[in-house]
Amino acid sequence: MRDYLIRELNSALRRPGMYGGELSIRLIIDHLLHLERGDEAWAEEMRSLESRGAWTSTGVSGAFRNLIPGQYEYGMASVYSEFARARGWLEANRTLTSDEYDQMRTQIPTWATRDHSLSEVLSTFGPPSVLLGGDNPYYGKTFGYLTEPTDTAMIFFHLWNGADPDAESTWPPRYDEPVLLAIRYGPGDFKTSFTFTPEGKKRRPAGG
């Protein structure tokens, strides 16, 4: 049962919309923690998220609504991915070497001063450890990169595609492929863990 739930969790994190969103992810986590006799772990995680500003009355999704436009479910999934990683549940497609990880972190402050497309992220940093979202270029997604040990903060690239607020139609989206809005890493204050690109600053919701 545990192995089955871990597979389901990894699928739900990668395609949250197909699995029922944040509530479904939390239900799978609840079942896993119950099997592992770790029921208090999620309560502790919620307190931590709330203290960082990553938890609202509508869960993690509400925290992202103040930072990324639209229903950005892949951002929400990235936060749950961090918890899954800490519990040993997250299945990664790639693990960065410590040198690759350090180089990425060093590049981020300068790299984020310019706008970048999905293709540019891939050509610069390679395929993600975890892809949260599908392959369709007309939809946003989040790239997660990780290294060992497991308590090292994951690095997330939040990519967006959609319509401008004043557009007459929401389809087709604004870009041929998603654009980078922000890079997030670090366990501290949620808002300050984001480094926004110029496009990300422009599209950041009012009051966020």
N, C-alpha and C. Protein backbone atom coordinates (compact mmCIF):
# COMPACT_ATOMS: atom_id res chain seq x y z
N MET A 1 0.82 -1.21 0.00
CA MET A 1 0.00 0.00 0.00
C MET A 1 0.87 1.27 0.00
N ARG A 2 1.95 1.25 0.79
CA ARG A 2 2.81 2.43 0.85
C ARG A 2 3.41 2.74 -0.52
N ASP A 3 3.92 1.72 -1.20
CA ASP A 3 4.52 1.95 -2.52
C ASP A 3 3.49 2.49 -3.51
N TYR A 4 2.27 1.97 -3.42
CA TYR A 4 1.20 2.44 -4.29
C TYR A 4 0.90 3.92 -4.03
N LEU A 5 0.81 4.30 -2.76
CA LEU A 5 0.51 5.69 -2.42
C LEU A 5 1.64 6.62 -2.85
N ILE A 6 2.88 6.16 -2.74
CA ILE A 6 4.01 6.99 -3.18
C ILE A 6 3.93 7.22 -4.69
N ARG A 7 3.59 6.18 -5.44
CA ARG A 7 3.43 6.34 -6.89
C ARG A 7 2.30 7.32 -7.19
N GLU A 8 1.19 7.19 -6.47
CA GLU A 8 0.06 8.10 -6.68
C GLU A 8 0.43 9.54 -6.34
N LEU A 9 1.17 9.72 -5.26
CA LEU A 9 1.58 11.07 -4.87
C LEU A 9 2.47 11.69 -5.94
N ASN A 10 3.42 10.94 -6.45
CA ASN A 10 4.30 11.48 -7.48
C ASN A 10 3.53 11.83 -8.75
N SER A 11 2.54 11.04 -9.08
CA SER A 11 1.71 11.35 -10.25
C SER A 11 0.88 12.60 -9.99
N ALA A 12 0.32 12.72 -8.79
CA ALA A 12 -0.52 13.87 -8.46
C ALA A 12 0.30 15.16 -8.41
N LEU A 13 1.53 15.08 -7.95
CA LEU A 13 2.39 16.27 -7.92
C LEU A 13 2.72 16.73 -9.34
N ARG A 14 2.91 15.78 -10.23
CA ARG A 14 3.28 16.12 -11.60
C ARG A 14 2.09 16.59 -12.43
N ARG A 15 0.90 16.09 -12.13
CA ARG A 15 -0.31 16.49 -12.87
C ARG A 15 -1.44 16.77 -11.88
N PRO A 16 -1.31 17.81 -11.07
CA PRO A 16 -2.28 18.04 -9.99
C PRO A 16 -3.71 18.23 -10.48
N GLY A 17 -3.89 18.86 -11.64
CA GLY A 17 -5.23 19.09 -12.15
C GLY A 17 -5.98 17.81 -12.46
N MET A 18 -5.26 16.80 -12.92
CA MET A 18 -5.88 15.52 -13.26
C MET A 18 -6.26 14.72 -12.02
N TYR A 19 -5.66 15.05 -10.87
CA TYR A 19 -5.88 14.27 -9.66
C TYR A 19 -6.75 14.98 -8.63
N GLY A 20 -7.25 16.17 -8.97
CA GLY A 20 -8.14 16.85 -8.03
C GLY A 20 -7.50 17.97 -7.26
N GLY A 21 -6.28 18.37 -7.63
CA GLY A 21 -5.66 19.55 -7.04
C GLY A 21 -5.10 19.34 -5.65
N GLU A 22 -5.03 20.43 -4.91
CA GLU A 22 -4.36 20.44 -3.61
C GLU A 22 -5.00 19.49 -2.61
N LEU A 23 -6.32 19.43 -2.59
CA LEU A 23 -7.00 18.57 -1.62
C LEU A 23 -6.61 17.11 -1.82
N SER A 24 -6.54 16.66 -3.06
CA SER A 24 -6.18 15.27 -3.33
C SER A 24 -4.75 14.98 -2.90
N ILE A 25 -3.85 15.92 -3.14
CA ILE A 25 -2.46 15.73 -2.71
C ILE A 25 -2.39 15.60 -1.19
N ARG A 26 -3.14 16.43 -0.49
CA ARG A 26 -3.13 16.37 0.97
C ARG A 26 -3.72 15.06 1.47
N LEU A 27 -4.73 14.55 0.81
CA LEU A 27 -5.33 13.28 1.24
C LEU A 27 -4.34 12.13 1.09
N ILE A 28 -3.60 12.12 -0.02
CA ILE A 28 -2.60 11.06 -0.21
C ILE A 28 -1.52 11.17 0.86
N ILE A 29 -1.09 12.40 1.15
CA ILE A 29 -0.09 12.60 2.20
C ILE A 29 -0.61 12.13 3.55
N ASP A 30 -1.86 12.43 3.85
CA ASP A 30 -2.46 11.99 5.11
C ASP A 30 -2.41 10.46 5.23
N HIS A 31 -2.75 9.77 4.16
CA HIS A 31 -2.74 8.30 4.18
C HIS A 31 -1.31 7.77 4.37
N LEU A 32 -0.35 8.39 3.69
CA LEU A 32 1.03 7.94 3.83
C LEU A 32 1.55 8.15 5.25
N LEU A 33 1.25 9.30 5.81
CA LEU A 33 1.71 9.58 7.17
C LEU A 33 1.06 8.64 8.18
N HIS A 34 -0.20 8.31 7.94
CA HIS A 34 -0.88 7.37 8.84
C HIS A 34 -0.21 5.99 8.77
N LEU A 35 0.14 5.55 7.57
CA LEU A 35 0.82 4.27 7.42
C LEU A 35 2.18 4.27 8.10
N GLU A 36 2.85 5.42 8.07
CA GLU A 36 4.18 5.52 8.65
C GLU A 36 4.14 5.95 10.12
N ARG A 37 2.92 6.06 10.67
CA ARG A 37 2.73 6.49 12.06
C ARG A 37 3.39 7.85 12.31
N GLY A 38 3.19 8.73 11.34
CA GLY A 38 3.75 10.07 11.45
C GLY A 38 2.69 11.14 11.32
N ASP A 39 1.52 10.89 11.93
CA ASP A 39 0.38 11.78 11.74
C ASP A 39 0.65 13.23 12.16
N GLU A 40 1.55 13.43 13.12
CA GLU A 40 1.82 14.79 13.59
C GLU A 40 2.72 15.58 12.63
N ALA A 41 3.34 14.89 11.69
CA ALA A 41 4.31 15.55 10.81
C ALA A 41 3.65 16.63 9.96
N TRP A 42 2.43 16.36 9.48
CA TRP A 42 1.80 17.36 8.63
C TRP A 42 1.35 18.59 9.43
N ALA A 43 0.91 18.38 10.66
CA ALA A 43 0.54 19.52 11.50
C ALA A 43 1.75 20.42 11.73
N GLU A 44 2.91 19.80 11.94
CA GLU A 44 4.14 20.58 12.10
C GLU A 44 4.49 21.32 10.82
N GLU A 45 4.31 20.64 9.69
CA GLU A 45 4.60 21.28 8.40
C GLU A 45 3.67 22.46 8.15
N MET A 46 2.40 22.32 8.48
CA MET A 46 1.45 23.42 8.31
C MET A 46 1.84 24.63 9.15
N ARG A 47 2.27 24.38 10.37
CA ARG A 47 2.70 25.50 11.23
C ARG A 47 3.92 26.19 10.62
N SER A 48 4.83 25.40 10.07
CA SER A 48 6.01 25.97 9.43
C SER A 48 5.63 26.79 8.21
N LEU A 49 4.74 26.25 7.37
CA LEU A 49 4.30 26.96 6.17
C LEU A 49 3.60 28.26 6.53
N GLU A 50 2.75 28.20 7.56
CA GLU A 50 2.02 29.40 7.97
C GLU A 50 2.97 30.47 8.48
N SER A 51 3.97 30.07 9.24
CA SER A 51 4.93 31.04 9.78
C SER A 51 5.74 31.69 8.68
N ARG A 52 5.92 30.99 7.57
CA ARG A 52 6.69 31.52 6.44
C ARG A 52 5.83 32.32 5.47
N GLY A 53 4.50 32.28 5.64
CA GLY A 53 3.62 32.96 4.71
C GLY A 53 3.27 32.13 3.50
N ALA A 54 3.49 30.81 3.58
CA ALA A 54 3.20 29.91 2.46
C ALA A 54 1.89 29.16 2.65
N TRP A 55 1.13 29.53 3.68
CA TRP A 55 -0.14 28.85 3.96
C TRP A 55 -1.21 29.90 4.23
N THR A 56 -2.37 29.75 3.59
CA THR A 56 -3.48 30.68 3.76
C THR A 56 -4.74 29.89 4.07
N SER A 57 -5.86 30.59 4.16
CA SER A 57 -7.14 29.91 4.41
C SER A 57 -7.51 28.97 3.27
N THR A 58 -6.92 29.19 2.10
CA THR A 58 -7.14 28.29 0.96
C THR A 58 -5.90 27.46 0.66
N GLY A 59 -5.10 27.22 1.68
CA GLY A 59 -3.93 26.36 1.53
C GLY A 59 -2.76 27.05 0.85
N VAL A 60 -1.89 26.24 0.29
CA VAL A 60 -0.72 26.76 -0.41
C VAL A 60 -1.14 27.50 -1.68
N SER A 61 -2.22 27.04 -2.30
CA SER A 61 -2.69 27.68 -3.54
C SER A 61 -2.95 29.16 -3.33
N GLY A 62 -3.49 29.52 -2.17
CA GLY A 62 -3.77 30.92 -1.88
C GLY A 62 -2.52 31.76 -1.80
N ALA A 63 -1.43 31.19 -1.29
CA ALA A 63 -0.17 31.93 -1.21
C ALA A 63 0.37 32.24 -2.60
N PHE A 64 0.19 31.32 -3.53
CA PHE A 64 0.67 31.55 -4.89
C PHE A 64 -0.18 32.55 -5.66
N ARG A 65 -1.46 32.68 -5.31
CA ARG A 65 -2.32 33.62 -6.04
C ARG A 65 -1.85 35.06 -5.87
N ASN A 66 -1.11 35.34 -4.82
CA ASN A 66 -0.59 36.68 -4.60
C ASN A 66 0.72 36.95 -5.35
N LEU A 67 1.25 35.91 -6.00
CA LEU A 67 2.58 36.03 -6.59
C LEU A 67 2.63 35.68 -8.07
N ILE A 68 1.83 34.71 -8.48
CA ILE A 68 1.81 34.25 -9.87
C ILE A 68 0.38 34.37 -10.39
N PRO A 69 0.16 34.88 -11.60
CA PRO A 69 -1.22 35.07 -12.08
C PRO A 69 -1.93 33.75 -12.36
N GLY A 70 -3.26 33.78 -12.18
CA GLY A 70 -4.09 32.63 -12.53
C GLY A 70 -4.05 31.52 -11.50
N GLN A 71 -4.64 30.39 -11.88
CA GLN A 71 -4.66 29.21 -11.01
C GLN A 71 -3.37 28.42 -11.25
N TYR A 72 -2.32 28.82 -10.57
CA TYR A 72 -1.00 28.23 -10.85
C TYR A 72 -0.78 27.01 -9.97
N GLU A 73 -1.39 25.89 -10.37
CA GLU A 73 -1.37 24.68 -9.54
C GLU A 73 0.01 24.04 -9.45
N TYR A 74 0.88 24.32 -10.42
CA TYR A 74 2.21 23.70 -10.40
C TYR A 74 3.10 24.34 -9.34
N GLY A 75 2.84 25.60 -9.03
CA GLY A 75 3.54 26.23 -7.93
C GLY A 75 3.14 25.59 -6.61
N MET A 76 1.83 25.41 -6.43
CA MET A 76 1.33 24.72 -5.23
C MET A 76 1.99 23.36 -5.09
N ALA A 77 2.06 22.61 -6.19
CA ALA A 77 2.64 21.27 -6.15
C ALA A 77 4.12 21.31 -5.76
N SER A 78 4.80 22.40 -6.10
CA SER A 78 6.23 22.48 -5.77
C SER A 78 6.45 22.50 -4.26
N VAL A 79 5.56 23.15 -3.52
CA VAL A 79 5.70 23.21 -2.06
C VAL A 79 5.48 21.82 -1.46
N TYR A 80 4.48 21.11 -1.96
CA TYR A 80 4.25 19.74 -1.47
C TYR A 80 5.39 18.81 -1.89
N SER A 81 6.04 19.12 -3.02
CA SER A 81 7.19 18.32 -3.45
C SER A 81 8.33 18.42 -2.44
N GLU A 82 8.49 19.60 -1.86
CA GLU A 82 9.54 19.77 -0.85
C GLU A 82 9.28 18.88 0.36
N PHE A 83 8.02 18.82 0.78
CA PHE A 83 7.68 17.96 1.91
C PHE A 83 7.88 16.49 1.55
N ALA A 84 7.47 16.12 0.33
CA ALA A 84 7.66 14.74 -0.13
C ALA A 84 9.14 14.38 -0.19
N ARG A 85 9.94 15.32 -0.62
CA ARG A 85 11.40 15.11 -0.68
C ARG A 85 11.96 14.85 0.72
N ALA A 86 11.53 15.65 1.68
CA ALA A 86 12.02 15.49 3.05
C ALA A 86 11.61 14.15 3.65
N ARG A 87 10.45 13.63 3.23
CA ARG A 87 9.96 12.35 3.75
C ARG A 87 10.52 11.15 2.99
N GLY A 88 11.27 11.40 1.92
CA GLY A 88 11.82 10.30 1.13
C GLY A 88 10.86 9.72 0.12
N TRP A 89 9.82 10.47 -0.23
CA TRP A 89 8.79 9.98 -1.15
C TRP A 89 8.98 10.46 -2.59
N LEU A 90 9.66 11.57 -2.77
CA LEU A 90 9.74 12.17 -4.11
C LEU A 90 10.67 11.38 -5.01
N GLU A 91 10.17 11.04 -6.20
CA GLU A 91 10.95 10.31 -7.18
C GLU A 91 11.50 11.29 -8.21
N ALA A 92 12.81 11.40 -8.26
CA ALA A 92 13.46 12.38 -9.15
C ALA A 92 13.93 11.70 -10.43
N ASN A 93 13.86 12.45 -11.52
CA ASN A 93 14.36 11.96 -12.80
C ASN A 93 15.84 12.29 -12.99
N ARG A 94 16.33 13.21 -12.17
CA ARG A 94 17.73 13.62 -12.28
C ARG A 94 18.16 14.23 -10.96
N THR A 95 19.37 13.94 -10.54
CA THR A 95 19.94 14.54 -9.34
C THR A 95 21.18 15.32 -9.73
N LEU A 96 21.18 16.61 -9.44
CA LEU A 96 22.33 17.44 -9.78
C LEU A 96 23.53 17.08 -8.90
N THR A 97 24.72 17.21 -9.46
CA THR A 97 25.91 17.11 -8.64
C THR A 97 25.98 18.36 -7.77
N SER A 98 26.79 18.32 -6.73
CA SER A 98 26.91 19.50 -5.87
C SER A 98 27.47 20.68 -6.65
N ASP A 99 28.37 20.42 -7.60
CA ASP A 99 28.92 21.51 -8.41
C ASP A 99 27.86 22.13 -9.31
N GLU A 100 27.02 21.29 -9.93
CA GLU A 100 25.94 21.80 -10.78
C GLU A 100 24.97 22.64 -9.96
N TYR A 101 24.65 22.16 -8.78
CA TYR A 101 23.71 22.87 -7.91
C TYR A 101 24.30 24.22 -7.48
N ASP A 102 25.54 24.22 -7.04
CA ASP A 102 26.17 25.46 -6.59
C ASP A 102 26.28 26.47 -7.73
N GLN A 103 26.59 25.98 -8.93
CA GLN A 103 26.69 26.87 -10.08
C GLN A 103 25.33 27.49 -10.41
N MET A 104 24.27 26.69 -10.30
CA MET A 104 22.92 27.19 -10.56
C MET A 104 22.57 28.30 -9.57
N ARG A 105 22.82 28.05 -8.31
CA ARG A 105 22.49 29.06 -7.29
C ARG A 105 23.29 30.34 -7.51
N THR A 106 24.54 30.19 -7.92
CA THR A 106 25.38 31.37 -8.16
C THR A 106 24.86 32.19 -9.34
N GLN A 107 24.32 31.51 -10.35
CA GLN A 107 23.85 32.19 -11.56
C GLN A 107 22.52 32.90 -11.37
N ILE A 108 21.70 32.43 -10.45
CA ILE A 108 20.31 32.88 -10.37
C ILE A 108 20.16 34.40 -10.24
N PRO A 109 20.85 35.08 -9.32
CA PRO A 109 20.60 36.52 -9.17
C PRO A 109 20.81 37.32 -10.45
N THR A 110 21.87 37.00 -11.19
CA THR A 110 22.13 37.71 -12.44
C THR A 110 21.23 37.21 -13.56
N TRP A 111 21.05 35.91 -13.63
CA TRP A 111 20.28 35.30 -14.72
C TRP A 111 18.84 35.79 -14.72
N ALA A 112 18.28 36.01 -13.54
CA ALA A 112 16.87 36.41 -13.43
C ALA A 112 16.64 37.88 -13.74
N THR A 113 17.68 38.63 -14.02
CA THR A 113 17.49 40.04 -14.37
C THR A 113 16.99 40.19 -15.80
N ARG A 114 17.00 39.09 -16.58
CA ARG A 114 16.48 39.10 -17.94
C ARG A 114 15.36 38.08 -18.07
N ASP A 115 14.52 38.26 -19.08
CA ASP A 115 13.44 37.30 -19.34
C ASP A 115 13.99 36.09 -20.08
N HIS A 116 13.37 34.92 -19.80
CA HIS A 116 13.82 33.68 -20.42
C HIS A 116 12.62 32.80 -20.75
N SER A 117 12.75 32.03 -21.81
CA SER A 117 11.73 31.07 -22.20
C SER A 117 12.05 29.70 -21.60
N LEU A 118 11.10 28.79 -21.72
CA LEU A 118 11.32 27.41 -21.27
C LEU A 118 12.54 26.81 -21.95
N SER A 119 12.68 27.03 -23.25
CA SER A 119 13.81 26.47 -23.99
C SER A 119 15.14 26.98 -23.45
N GLU A 120 15.18 28.25 -23.05
CA GLU A 120 16.41 28.82 -22.51
C GLU A 120 16.75 28.21 -21.15
N VAL A 121 15.74 27.94 -20.34
CA VAL A 121 15.99 27.30 -19.05
C VAL A 121 16.61 25.92 -19.29
N LEU A 122 16.03 25.16 -20.21
CA LEU A 122 16.54 23.82 -20.50
C LEU A 122 17.95 23.85 -21.07
N SER A 123 18.21 24.78 -21.98
CA SER A 123 19.54 24.83 -22.60
C SER A 123 20.61 25.28 -21.62
N THR A 124 20.21 26.06 -20.61
CA THR A 124 21.17 26.56 -19.63
C THR A 124 21.41 25.58 -18.49
N PHE A 125 20.33 24.99 -17.98
CA PHE A 125 20.44 24.18 -16.77
C PHE A 125 20.15 22.70 -16.97
N GLY A 126 19.69 22.33 -18.17
CA GLY A 126 19.40 20.93 -18.43
C GLY A 126 18.02 20.52 -17.95
N PRO A 127 17.65 19.27 -18.18
CA PRO A 127 16.31 18.80 -17.79
C PRO A 127 16.14 18.84 -16.27
N PRO A 128 14.91 19.08 -15.81
CA PRO A 128 14.69 19.18 -14.37
C PRO A 128 14.75 17.83 -13.67
N SER A 129 14.95 17.89 -12.38
CA SER A 129 14.85 16.68 -11.56
C SER A 129 13.40 16.22 -11.49
N VAL A 130 12.49 17.19 -11.43
CA VAL A 130 11.06 16.91 -11.37
C VAL A 130 10.33 17.91 -12.25
N LEU A 131 9.53 17.41 -13.18
CA LEU A 131 8.69 18.27 -14.01
C LEU A 131 7.28 18.26 -13.44
N LEU A 132 6.84 19.40 -12.96
CA LEU A 132 5.48 19.55 -12.44
C LEU A 132 4.65 20.20 -13.53
N GLY A 133 3.87 19.39 -14.22
CA GLY A 133 3.12 19.86 -15.37
C GLY A 133 3.39 18.96 -16.56
N GLY A 134 2.62 19.13 -17.62
CA GLY A 134 2.77 18.30 -18.80
C GLY A 134 3.75 18.87 -19.80
N ASP A 135 3.81 18.25 -20.97
CA ASP A 135 4.73 18.67 -22.02
C ASP A 135 4.15 19.72 -22.96
N ASN A 136 2.85 19.97 -22.88
CA ASN A 136 2.20 20.91 -23.79
C ASN A 136 2.75 22.32 -23.57
N PRO A 137 3.33 22.93 -24.61
CA PRO A 137 3.95 24.25 -24.44
C PRO A 137 2.96 25.38 -24.21
N TYR A 138 1.68 25.12 -24.42
CA TYR A 138 0.69 26.18 -24.22
C TYR A 138 0.28 26.34 -22.76
N TYR A 139 0.81 25.49 -21.89
CA TYR A 139 0.46 25.56 -20.48
C TYR A 139 1.70 25.78 -19.62
N GLY A 140 1.51 26.47 -18.50
CA GLY A 140 2.60 26.69 -17.57
C GLY A 140 3.04 25.40 -16.91
N LYS A 141 4.15 25.48 -16.19
CA LYS A 141 4.70 24.32 -15.50
C LYS A 141 5.78 24.80 -14.54
N THR A 142 6.26 23.92 -13.71
CA THR A 142 7.35 24.24 -12.80
C THR A 142 8.44 23.19 -12.95
N PHE A 143 9.68 23.66 -13.08
CA PHE A 143 10.84 22.77 -13.09
C PHE A 143 11.43 22.77 -11.68
N GLY A 144 11.65 21.58 -11.13
CA GLY A 144 12.30 21.46 -9.84
C GLY A 144 13.66 20.79 -10.00
N TYR A 145 14.68 21.36 -9.36
CA TYR A 145 16.03 20.81 -9.41
C TYR A 145 16.48 20.48 -7.99
N LEU A 146 17.10 19.33 -7.82
CA LEU A 146 17.54 18.93 -6.49
C LEU A 146 18.90 18.26 -6.53
N THR A 147 19.52 18.21 -5.36
CA THR A 147 20.80 17.54 -5.18
C THR A 147 20.79 16.85 -3.83
N GLU A 148 21.82 16.11 -3.55
CA GLU A 148 21.98 15.47 -2.24
C GLU A 148 22.79 16.39 -1.33
N PRO A 149 22.58 16.31 -0.01
CA PRO A 149 21.64 15.45 0.71
C PRO A 149 20.21 15.97 0.61
N THR A 150 19.27 15.19 1.14
CA THR A 150 17.86 15.51 0.95
C THR A 150 17.42 16.78 1.66
N ASP A 151 18.19 17.27 2.62
CA ASP A 151 17.79 18.50 3.30
C ASP A 151 18.29 19.76 2.58
N THR A 152 18.93 19.58 1.42
CA THR A 152 19.34 20.73 0.61
C THR A 152 18.11 21.29 -0.10
N ALA A 153 17.94 22.60 -0.04
CA ALA A 153 16.75 23.23 -0.61
C ALA A 153 16.65 22.95 -2.11
N MET A 154 15.45 22.59 -2.56
CA MET A 154 15.20 22.44 -3.98
C MET A 154 15.13 23.83 -4.63
N ILE A 155 15.42 23.88 -5.92
CA ILE A 155 15.33 25.12 -6.69
C ILE A 155 14.22 24.95 -7.72
N PHE A 156 13.28 25.89 -7.74
CA PHE A 156 12.13 25.79 -8.63
C PHE A 156 12.10 26.95 -9.62
N PHE A 157 11.86 26.61 -10.88
CA PHE A 157 11.68 27.60 -11.94
C PHE A 157 10.19 27.61 -12.30
N HIS A 158 9.53 28.72 -12.02
CA HIS A 158 8.09 28.83 -12.25
C HIS A 158 7.84 29.46 -13.62
N LEU A 159 7.32 28.65 -14.52
CA LEU A 159 7.09 29.05 -15.91
C LEU A 159 5.59 29.23 -16.15
N TRP A 160 5.25 30.27 -16.88
CA TRP A 160 3.84 30.64 -17.07
C TRP A 160 3.52 30.84 -18.54
N ASN A 161 2.28 30.51 -18.90
CA ASN A 161 1.75 30.88 -20.21
C ASN A 161 0.25 31.11 -20.04
N GLY A 162 -0.27 32.08 -20.72
CA GLY A 162 -1.68 32.39 -20.58
C GLY A 162 -2.03 33.63 -21.37
N ALA A 163 -3.18 34.19 -21.09
CA ALA A 163 -3.66 35.36 -21.81
C ALA A 163 -3.41 36.63 -20.99
N ASP A 164 -3.26 37.74 -21.69
CA ASP A 164 -3.16 39.03 -21.01
C ASP A 164 -4.49 39.35 -20.33
N PRO A 165 -4.47 40.11 -19.23
CA PRO A 165 -5.71 40.40 -18.50
C PRO A 165 -6.79 41.05 -19.35
N ASP A 166 -6.40 41.87 -20.34
CA ASP A 166 -7.39 42.57 -21.15
C ASP A 166 -7.68 41.87 -22.48
N ALA A 167 -7.21 40.63 -22.63
CA ALA A 167 -7.42 39.90 -23.87
C ALA A 167 -8.89 39.52 -24.03
N GLU A 168 -9.39 39.56 -25.27
CA GLU A 168 -10.78 39.20 -25.53
C GLU A 168 -11.02 37.71 -25.37
N SER A 169 -9.98 36.91 -25.61
CA SER A 169 -10.10 35.46 -25.49
C SER A 169 -8.91 34.92 -24.70
N THR A 170 -9.14 33.84 -23.97
CA THR A 170 -8.05 33.22 -23.21
C THR A 170 -7.28 32.20 -24.06
N TRP A 171 -7.70 32.02 -25.31
CA TRP A 171 -7.03 31.06 -26.19
C TRP A 171 -6.87 31.66 -27.58
N PRO A 172 -5.72 31.50 -28.22
CA PRO A 172 -4.53 30.82 -27.71
C PRO A 172 -3.81 31.67 -26.67
N PRO A 173 -2.90 31.07 -25.91
CA PRO A 173 -2.18 31.83 -24.89
C PRO A 173 -1.22 32.84 -25.52
N ARG A 174 -0.63 33.66 -24.67
CA ARG A 174 0.20 34.78 -25.11
C ARG A 174 1.45 34.33 -25.85
N TYR A 175 2.06 33.23 -25.42
CA TYR A 175 3.36 32.83 -25.96
C TYR A 175 3.32 31.44 -26.60
N ASP A 176 4.29 31.17 -27.47
CA ASP A 176 4.41 29.85 -28.09
C ASP A 176 4.92 28.81 -27.11
N GLU A 177 5.60 29.25 -26.07
CA GLU A 177 6.06 28.37 -25.01
C GLU A 177 6.09 29.17 -23.71
N PRO A 178 6.06 28.50 -22.57
CA PRO A 178 6.03 29.23 -21.30
C PRO A 178 7.25 30.13 -21.11
N VAL A 179 7.06 31.19 -20.36
CA VAL A 179 8.14 32.10 -20.00
C VAL A 179 8.38 32.02 -18.50
N LEU A 180 9.60 32.30 -18.11
CA LEU A 180 9.97 32.23 -16.70
C LEU A 180 9.48 33.48 -15.98
N LEU A 181 8.73 33.28 -14.90
CA LEU A 181 8.29 34.41 -14.07
C LEU A 181 9.13 34.56 -12.81
N ALA A 182 9.55 33.44 -12.24
CA ALA A 182 10.29 33.53 -10.98
C ALA A 182 11.06 32.25 -10.71
N ILE A 183 12.11 32.39 -9.93
CA ILE A 183 12.89 31.25 -9.42
C ILE A 183 12.74 31.28 -7.90
N ARG A 184 12.46 30.13 -7.32
CA ARG A 184 12.22 30.07 -5.87
C ARG A 184 13.12 29.03 -5.23
N TYR A 185 13.75 29.41 -4.14
CA TYR A 185 14.48 28.44 -3.32
C TYR A 185 14.72 29.03 -1.94
N GLY A 186 14.90 28.14 -0.99
CA GLY A 186 15.20 28.57 0.37
C GLY A 186 14.04 28.35 1.32
N PRO A 187 14.32 28.05 2.58
CA PRO A 187 13.28 27.72 3.56
C PRO A 187 12.73 28.91 4.33
N GLY A 188 13.20 30.13 4.06
CA GLY A 188 12.78 31.28 4.85
C GLY A 188 11.44 31.84 4.43
N ASP A 189 11.28 33.15 4.61
CA ASP A 189 10.04 33.83 4.25
C ASP A 189 9.65 33.51 2.81
N PHE A 190 8.37 33.16 2.63
CA PHE A 190 7.93 32.65 1.32
C PHE A 190 8.11 33.68 0.22
N LYS A 191 7.65 34.90 0.43
CA LYS A 191 7.74 35.91 -0.62
C LYS A 191 9.18 36.23 -0.99
N THR A 192 10.04 36.32 0.00
CA THR A 192 11.43 36.68 -0.30
C THR A 192 12.22 35.51 -0.87
N SER A 193 11.63 34.32 -0.90
CA SER A 193 12.32 33.18 -1.53
C SER A 193 12.17 33.22 -3.05
N PHE A 194 11.37 34.16 -3.57
CA PHE A 194 11.18 34.32 -5.01
C PHE A 194 12.13 35.37 -5.57
N THR A 195 12.77 35.03 -6.68
CA THR A 195 13.52 36.00 -7.46
C THR A 195 12.78 36.15 -8.78
N PHE A 196 12.19 37.32 -9.01
CA PHE A 196 11.33 37.53 -10.18
C PHE A 196 12.12 38.05 -11.37
N THR A 197 11.75 37.58 -12.55
CA THR A 197 12.26 38.14 -13.79
C THR A 197 11.49 39.42 -14.10
N PRO A 198 11.92 40.22 -15.08
CA PRO A 198 11.12 41.39 -15.45
C PRO A 198 9.68 41.03 -15.82
N GLU A 199 9.49 39.92 -16.55
CA GLU A 199 8.14 39.49 -16.90
C GLU A 199 7.36 39.11 -15.66
N GLY A 200 8.03 38.46 -14.71
CA GLY A 200 7.38 38.08 -13.47
C GLY A 200 6.95 39.28 -12.65
N LYS A 201 7.78 40.31 -12.62
CA LYS A 201 7.42 41.53 -11.90
C LYS A 201 6.22 42.21 -12.56
N LYS A 202 6.19 42.20 -13.88
CA LYS A 202 5.10 42.84 -14.61
C LYS A 202 3.78 42.12 -14.38
N ARG A 203 3.82 40.80 -14.29
CA ARG A 203 2.59 40.02 -14.18
C ARG A 203 2.23 39.66 -12.74
N ARG A 204 3.03 40.08 -11.80
CA ARG A 204 2.73 39.78 -10.40
C ARG A 204 1.41 40.43 -10.00
N PRO A 205 0.49 39.68 -9.42
CA PRO A 205 -0.82 40.24 -9.05
C PRO A 205 -0.68 41.43 -8.10
N ALA A 206 -1.59 42.37 -8.23
CA ALA A 206 -1.58 43.56 -7.38
C ALA A 206 -1.70 43.15 -5.92
N GLY A 207 -0.87 43.73 -5.08
CA GLY A 207 -0.90 43.42 -3.66
C GLY A 207 -0.04 42.23 -3.28
N GLY A 208 0.56 41.55 -4.27
CA GLY A 208 1.38 40.39 -3.98
C GLY A 208 2.78 40.74 -3.57
